[in-house]
């Protein structure tokens, strides 16, 4: 399987979506290399980055599920080669 390394940048503005977000990340734990989350309390948001190593379909599915959450935005940058 041809895999790529990607970073998914996530902004959480609705904390009611955090449990579902964590459930999604747990579902994809086998492809997650690492994650970092920073609460930005003065803006009442959280900023996260998720590093993954997976095929393009899996990366897109993960990013898409995250981006469909209410009050959550996700953007993905994917490496050009494995």
N, C-alpha and C. Protein backbone atom coordinates (compact mmCIF):
# COMPACT_ATOMS: atom_id res chain seq x y z
N UNK A 1 0.84 -1.17 0.00
CA UNK A 1 0.00 0.00 0.00
C UNK A 1 0.89 1.24 0.00
N UNK A 2 0.58 2.16 -0.88
CA UNK A 2 1.33 3.41 -0.99
C UNK A 2 0.79 4.40 0.04
N UNK A 3 1.64 4.80 0.98
CA UNK A 3 1.19 5.73 2.01
C UNK A 3 1.87 7.08 1.87
N UNK A 4 1.27 8.07 2.47
CA UNK A 4 1.79 9.43 2.49
C UNK A 4 1.77 9.92 3.93
N UNK A 5 2.65 10.84 4.20
CA UNK A 5 2.62 11.52 5.49
C UNK A 5 1.82 12.80 5.30
N UNK A 6 0.96 13.07 6.26
CA UNK A 6 0.11 14.26 6.17
C UNK A 6 -0.03 14.90 7.53
N UNK A 7 -0.34 16.18 7.50
CA UNK A 7 -0.69 16.94 8.70
C UNK A 7 -2.12 17.43 8.53
N UNK A 8 -2.94 17.17 9.53
CA UNK A 8 -4.31 17.70 9.53
C UNK A 8 -4.35 18.78 10.60
N UNK A 9 -4.60 20.01 10.17
CA UNK A 9 -4.75 21.13 11.10
C UNK A 9 -6.21 21.27 11.46
N UNK A 10 -6.49 21.39 12.75
CA UNK A 10 -7.87 21.39 13.24
C UNK A 10 -8.08 22.60 14.16
N UNK A 11 -9.19 23.29 13.95
CA UNK A 11 -9.63 24.36 14.84
C UNK A 11 -10.97 23.92 15.45
N UNK A 12 -11.04 23.88 16.77
CA UNK A 12 -12.26 23.50 17.46
C UNK A 12 -12.86 24.76 18.10
N UNK A 13 -14.04 25.14 17.61
CA UNK A 13 -14.74 26.30 18.16
C UNK A 13 -15.97 25.89 18.97
N UNK A 14 -16.40 24.65 18.82
CA UNK A 14 -17.57 24.14 19.55
C UNK A 14 -17.11 22.96 20.41
N UNK A 15 -17.00 23.20 21.70
CA UNK A 15 -16.49 22.16 22.59
C UNK A 15 -17.46 20.99 22.74
N UNK A 16 -18.69 21.13 22.30
CA UNK A 16 -19.63 20.02 22.32
C UNK A 16 -19.23 18.93 21.33
N UNK A 17 -18.34 19.25 20.38
CA UNK A 17 -17.90 18.28 19.37
C UNK A 17 -16.64 17.53 19.78
N UNK A 18 -16.06 17.88 20.92
CA UNK A 18 -14.77 17.30 21.32
C UNK A 18 -14.86 15.80 21.54
N UNK A 19 -15.90 15.31 22.19
CA UNK A 19 -16.01 13.86 22.43
C UNK A 19 -16.08 13.09 21.11
N UNK A 20 -16.85 13.59 20.17
CA UNK A 20 -16.95 12.93 18.86
C UNK A 20 -15.62 13.00 18.13
N UNK A 21 -14.93 14.14 18.20
CA UNK A 21 -13.61 14.28 17.59
C UNK A 21 -12.65 13.25 18.17
N UNK A 22 -12.63 13.11 19.48
CA UNK A 22 -11.75 12.12 20.11
C UNK A 22 -12.12 10.70 19.71
N UNK A 23 -13.41 10.42 19.53
CA UNK A 23 -13.83 9.09 19.06
C UNK A 23 -13.30 8.82 17.66
N UNK A 24 -13.36 9.82 16.79
CA UNK A 24 -12.84 9.67 15.42
C UNK A 24 -11.33 9.43 15.46
N UNK A 25 -10.63 10.22 16.25
CA UNK A 25 -9.17 10.05 16.34
C UNK A 25 -8.82 8.67 16.89
N UNK A 26 -9.60 8.18 17.84
CA UNK A 26 -9.37 6.84 18.37
C UNK A 26 -9.60 5.78 17.28
N UNK A 27 -10.61 5.98 16.46
CA UNK A 27 -10.90 5.06 15.36
C UNK A 27 -9.73 4.96 14.38
N UNK A 28 -9.01 6.07 14.18
CA UNK A 28 -7.91 6.12 13.23
C UNK A 28 -6.54 6.05 13.91
N UNK A 29 -6.50 5.58 15.14
CA UNK A 29 -5.25 5.57 15.92
C UNK A 29 -4.12 4.81 15.25
N UNK A 30 -4.43 3.83 14.44
CA UNK A 30 -3.38 3.02 13.82
C UNK A 30 -2.57 3.79 12.78
N UNK A 31 -3.10 4.90 12.26
CA UNK A 31 -2.37 5.68 11.26
C UNK A 31 -1.85 7.00 11.82
N UNK A 32 -2.19 7.31 13.06
CA UNK A 32 -1.75 8.57 13.67
C UNK A 32 -0.33 8.41 14.22
N UNK A 33 0.56 9.28 13.74
CA UNK A 33 1.94 9.30 14.21
C UNK A 33 2.02 10.07 15.53
N UNK A 34 1.32 11.19 15.59
CA UNK A 34 1.34 12.01 16.79
C UNK A 34 0.30 13.11 16.68
N UNK A 35 0.04 13.73 17.82
CA UNK A 35 -0.93 14.82 17.83
C UNK A 35 -0.52 15.85 18.87
N UNK A 36 -0.92 17.09 18.60
CA UNK A 36 -0.64 18.18 19.52
C UNK A 36 -1.88 19.05 19.59
N UNK A 37 -2.28 19.39 20.79
CA UNK A 37 -3.42 20.27 20.96
C UNK A 37 -3.07 21.42 21.88
N UNK A 38 -3.51 22.60 21.50
CA UNK A 38 -3.23 23.79 22.28
C UNK A 38 -4.54 24.52 22.54
N UNK A 39 -4.95 24.62 23.79
CA UNK A 39 -6.14 25.43 24.08
C UNK A 39 -5.77 26.91 24.02
N UNK A 40 -6.55 27.67 23.29
CA UNK A 40 -6.33 29.12 23.18
C UNK A 40 -7.47 29.78 23.94
N UNK A 41 -7.31 29.85 25.23
CA UNK A 41 -8.39 30.24 26.13
C UNK A 41 -8.93 31.64 25.87
N UNK A 42 -8.07 32.59 25.50
CA UNK A 42 -8.56 33.95 25.29
C UNK A 42 -9.50 34.05 24.08
N UNK A 43 -9.40 33.10 23.15
CA UNK A 43 -10.30 33.05 21.99
C UNK A 43 -11.37 31.97 22.14
N UNK A 44 -11.29 31.19 23.22
CA UNK A 44 -12.23 30.10 23.49
C UNK A 44 -12.26 29.07 22.35
N UNK A 45 -11.08 28.73 21.85
CA UNK A 45 -10.94 27.71 20.81
C UNK A 45 -9.77 26.79 21.17
N UNK A 46 -9.65 25.70 20.46
CA UNK A 46 -8.48 24.83 20.55
C UNK A 46 -7.89 24.66 19.15
N UNK A 47 -6.58 24.61 19.10
CA UNK A 47 -5.85 24.41 17.85
C UNK A 47 -5.14 23.06 17.97
N UNK A 48 -5.34 22.21 16.97
CA UNK A 48 -4.73 20.88 17.01
C UNK A 48 -4.02 20.59 15.70
N UNK A 49 -3.00 19.74 15.79
CA UNK A 49 -2.40 19.19 14.58
C UNK A 49 -2.25 17.69 14.79
N UNK A 50 -2.59 16.96 13.74
CA UNK A 50 -2.52 15.50 13.76
C UNK A 50 -1.60 15.07 12.62
N UNK A 51 -0.52 14.36 12.94
CA UNK A 51 0.38 13.81 11.92
C UNK A 51 -0.04 12.37 11.65
N UNK A 52 -0.21 12.02 10.37
CA UNK A 52 -0.64 10.68 10.00
C UNK A 52 0.24 10.11 8.89
N UNK A 53 0.28 8.79 8.81
CA UNK A 53 0.94 8.07 7.72
C UNK A 53 -0.07 7.04 7.23
N UNK A 54 -0.67 7.32 6.07
CA UNK A 54 -1.75 6.46 5.57
C UNK A 54 -1.90 6.66 4.06
N UNK A 55 -2.73 5.82 3.46
CA UNK A 55 -3.04 6.00 2.05
C UNK A 55 -3.96 7.22 1.91
N UNK A 56 -4.03 7.76 0.69
CA UNK A 56 -4.77 9.00 0.44
C UNK A 56 -6.25 8.87 0.81
N UNK A 57 -6.86 7.73 0.53
CA UNK A 57 -8.27 7.55 0.86
C UNK A 57 -8.52 7.64 2.36
N UNK A 58 -7.63 7.04 3.15
CA UNK A 58 -7.78 7.08 4.60
C UNK A 58 -7.58 8.49 5.13
N UNK A 59 -6.58 9.18 4.62
CA UNK A 59 -6.33 10.57 5.04
C UNK A 59 -7.55 11.43 4.73
N UNK A 60 -8.08 11.30 3.52
CA UNK A 60 -9.24 12.10 3.13
C UNK A 60 -10.48 11.75 3.94
N UNK A 61 -10.66 10.47 4.25
CA UNK A 61 -11.80 10.05 5.07
C UNK A 61 -11.71 10.64 6.47
N UNK A 62 -10.53 10.57 7.06
CA UNK A 62 -10.32 11.12 8.40
C UNK A 62 -10.57 12.62 8.42
N UNK A 63 -9.96 13.32 7.50
CA UNK A 63 -10.12 14.78 7.42
C UNK A 63 -11.58 15.15 7.17
N UNK A 64 -12.25 14.41 6.31
CA UNK A 64 -13.65 14.67 6.00
C UNK A 64 -14.56 14.48 7.20
N UNK A 65 -14.34 13.40 7.96
CA UNK A 65 -15.15 13.15 9.15
C UNK A 65 -14.95 14.27 10.18
N UNK A 66 -13.72 14.70 10.34
CA UNK A 66 -13.44 15.78 11.29
C UNK A 66 -14.10 17.07 10.83
N UNK A 67 -13.97 17.39 9.55
CA UNK A 67 -14.51 18.64 9.01
C UNK A 67 -16.03 18.71 9.03
N UNK A 68 -16.71 17.56 9.14
CA UNK A 68 -18.17 17.55 9.19
C UNK A 68 -18.72 17.83 10.58
N UNK A 69 -17.85 17.83 11.58
CA UNK A 69 -18.31 18.09 12.94
C UNK A 69 -18.72 19.54 13.10
N UNK A 70 -19.75 19.77 13.87
CA UNK A 70 -20.26 21.11 14.12
C UNK A 70 -19.22 21.94 14.88
N UNK A 71 -18.84 23.07 14.31
CA UNK A 71 -17.89 23.96 14.97
C UNK A 71 -16.45 23.51 14.91
N UNK A 72 -16.14 22.63 13.96
CA UNK A 72 -14.77 22.13 13.80
C UNK A 72 -14.35 22.32 12.35
N UNK A 73 -13.16 22.88 12.15
CA UNK A 73 -12.61 23.07 10.80
C UNK A 73 -11.35 22.22 10.67
N UNK A 74 -11.13 21.65 9.50
CA UNK A 74 -9.95 20.83 9.27
C UNK A 74 -9.39 21.11 7.88
N UNK A 75 -8.08 21.24 7.79
CA UNK A 75 -7.36 21.39 6.53
C UNK A 75 -6.19 20.42 6.54
N UNK A 76 -5.89 19.86 5.38
CA UNK A 76 -4.89 18.81 5.28
C UNK A 76 -3.78 19.19 4.31
N UNK A 77 -2.55 18.90 4.70
CA UNK A 77 -1.40 19.02 3.80
C UNK A 77 -0.79 17.62 3.69
N UNK A 78 -0.65 17.14 2.46
CA UNK A 78 -0.18 15.77 2.22
C UNK A 78 1.16 15.82 1.50
N UNK A 79 2.09 14.96 1.92
CA UNK A 79 3.40 14.89 1.28
C UNK A 79 3.26 14.43 -0.16
N UNK A 80 4.22 14.82 -0.97
CA UNK A 80 4.19 14.45 -2.39
C UNK A 80 4.71 13.07 -2.68
N UNK A 81 5.44 12.48 -1.73
CA UNK A 81 5.98 11.14 -1.96
C UNK A 81 5.99 10.38 -0.65
N UNK A 82 6.19 9.08 -0.77
CA UNK A 82 6.21 8.25 0.42
C UNK A 82 7.59 8.21 0.95
